């Protein structure tokens, strides 16, 4: 499995602001299957800014 060392924010991969990771657990057998970057408040703020910037375009997209 490819290790995840970055965060996908605003349409591109960027490094996390910390080296800390969070385990991803398979709920079927409770085995750790990966480790992903642990987001910081700075990462969350960047993701929220990106989501707010993308909202007008998504809102204008027709359902079809």
C-alpha atoms as a PDB file:
ATOM      1  CA  UNK A   1       0.000   0.000   0.000  1.00  0.00           C
ATOM      2  CA  UNK A   2       1.268   3.459  -0.889  1.00  0.00           C
ATOM      3  CA  UNK A   3       2.052   5.525   2.194  1.00  0.00           C
ATOM      4  CA  UNK A   4       0.083   8.747   2.498  1.00  0.00           C
ATOM      5  CA  UNK A   5       2.362  11.586   3.491  1.00  0.00           C
ATOM      6  CA  UNK A   6       0.364  14.581   2.288  1.00  0.00           C
ATOM      7  CA  UNK A   7      -3.084  16.094   2.307  1.00  0.00           C
ATOM      8  CA  UNK A   8      -5.270  16.689  -0.741  1.00  0.00           C
ATOM      9  CA  UNK A   9      -6.482  20.275  -0.405  1.00  0.00           C
ATOM     10  CA  UNK A  10      -7.671  22.659  -3.134  1.00  0.00           C
ATOM     11  CA  UNK A  11      -7.142  20.087  -5.863  1.00  0.00           C
ATOM     12  CA  UNK A  12      -3.533  19.287  -5.082  1.00  0.00           C
ATOM     13  CA  UNK A  13      -1.399  17.264  -2.729  1.00  0.00           C
ATOM     14  CA  UNK A  14       0.458  19.294  -0.139  1.00  0.00           C
ATOM     15  CA  UNK A  15       2.607  18.277   2.788  1.00  0.00           C
ATOM     16  CA  UNK A  16       0.921  18.112   6.172  1.00  0.00           C
ATOM     17  CA  UNK A  17       2.060  20.677   8.713  1.00  0.00           C
ATOM     18  CA  UNK A  18       3.097  17.937  11.135  1.00  0.00           C
ATOM     19  CA  UNK A  19       4.912  14.625  10.998  1.00  0.00           C
ATOM     20  CA  UNK A  20       2.319  13.080  13.345  1.00  0.00           C
ATOM     21  CA  UNK A  21       0.137  10.353  11.880  1.00  0.00           C
ATOM     22  CA  UNK A  22      -3.185   8.685  12.611  1.00  0.00           C
ATOM     23  CA  UNK A  23      -3.736   4.962  12.058  1.00  0.00           C
ATOM     24  CA  UNK A  24      -6.432   3.786   9.643  1.00  0.00           C
ATOM     25  CA  UNK A  25      -8.140   0.702  11.053  1.00  0.00           C
ATOM     26  CA  UNK A  26      -9.992  -1.945   9.058  1.00  0.00           C
ATOM     27  CA  UNK A  27     -13.351  -2.225  10.867  1.00  0.00           C
ATOM     28  CA  UNK A  28     -13.760  -5.860   9.838  1.00  0.00           C
ATOM     29  CA  UNK A  29     -10.715  -7.158  11.700  1.00  0.00           C
ATOM     30  CA  UNK A  30      -9.441  -4.089  13.584  1.00  0.00           C
ATOM     31  CA  UNK A  31      -6.027  -4.321  11.933  1.00  0.00           C
ATOM     32  CA  UNK A  32      -4.125  -1.121  11.134  1.00  0.00           C
ATOM     33  CA  UNK A  33      -3.979  -0.900   7.339  1.00  0.00           C
ATOM     34  CA  UNK A  34      -2.323   2.495   6.900  1.00  0.00           C
ATOM     35  CA  UNK A  35      -1.154   5.648   8.599  1.00  0.00           C
ATOM     36  CA  UNK A  36      -2.204   9.062   7.343  1.00  0.00           C
ATOM     37  CA  UNK A  37      -1.090  12.562   8.329  1.00  0.00           C
ATOM     38  CA  UNK A  38      -2.770  13.942  11.423  1.00  0.00           C
ATOM     39  CA  UNK A  39      -4.293  17.255  10.477  1.00  0.00           C
ATOM     40  CA  UNK A  40      -3.531  20.353  12.494  1.00  0.00           C
ATOM     41  CA  UNK A  41      -5.672  23.452  12.911  1.00  0.00           C
ATOM     42  CA  UNK A  42      -3.635  25.013  10.087  1.00  0.00           C
ATOM     43  CA  UNK A  43      -4.470  22.092   7.759  1.00  0.00           C
ATOM     44  CA  UNK A  44      -8.159  22.360   8.660  1.00  0.00           C
ATOM     45  CA  UNK A  45      -8.153  26.110   8.023  1.00  0.00           C
ATOM     46  CA  UNK A  46      -6.577  25.575   4.587  1.00  0.00           C
ATOM     47  CA  UNK A  47      -9.198  22.931   3.737  1.00  0.00           C
ATOM     48  CA  UNK A  48     -12.051  25.188   4.884  1.00  0.00           C
ATOM     49  CA  UNK A  49     -10.694  28.101   2.809  1.00  0.00           C
ATOM     50  CA  UNK A  50     -10.479  25.816  -0.236  1.00  0.00           C
ATOM     51  CA  UNK A  51     -14.023  24.525   0.315  1.00  0.00           C
ATOM     52  CA  UNK A  52     -15.419  28.039   0.657  1.00  0.00           C
ATOM     53  CA  UNK A  53     -13.619  29.113  -2.525  1.00  0.00           C
ATOM     54  CA  UNK A  54     -15.022  26.103  -4.424  1.00  0.00           C
ATOM     55  CA  UNK A  55     -18.613  26.514  -3.217  1.00  0.00           C
ATOM     56  CA  UNK A  56     -19.823  29.051  -5.826  1.00  0.00           C
ATOM     57  CA  UNK A  57     -18.733  26.791  -8.687  1.00  0.00           C
ATOM     58  CA  UNK A  58     -20.300  23.699  -7.143  1.00  0.00           C
ATOM     59  CA  UNK A  59     -23.484  25.599  -6.340  1.00  0.00           C
ATOM     60  CA  UNK A  60     -23.798  26.679  -9.981  1.00  0.00           C
ATOM     61  CA  UNK A  61     -23.320  23.138 -11.324  1.00  0.00           C
ATOM     62  CA  UNK A  62     -26.564  21.742 -12.727  1.00  0.00           C
ATOM     63  CA  UNK A  63     -27.700  18.376 -11.286  1.00  0.00           C
ATOM     64  CA  UNK A  64     -27.441  16.624 -14.635  1.00  0.00           C
END
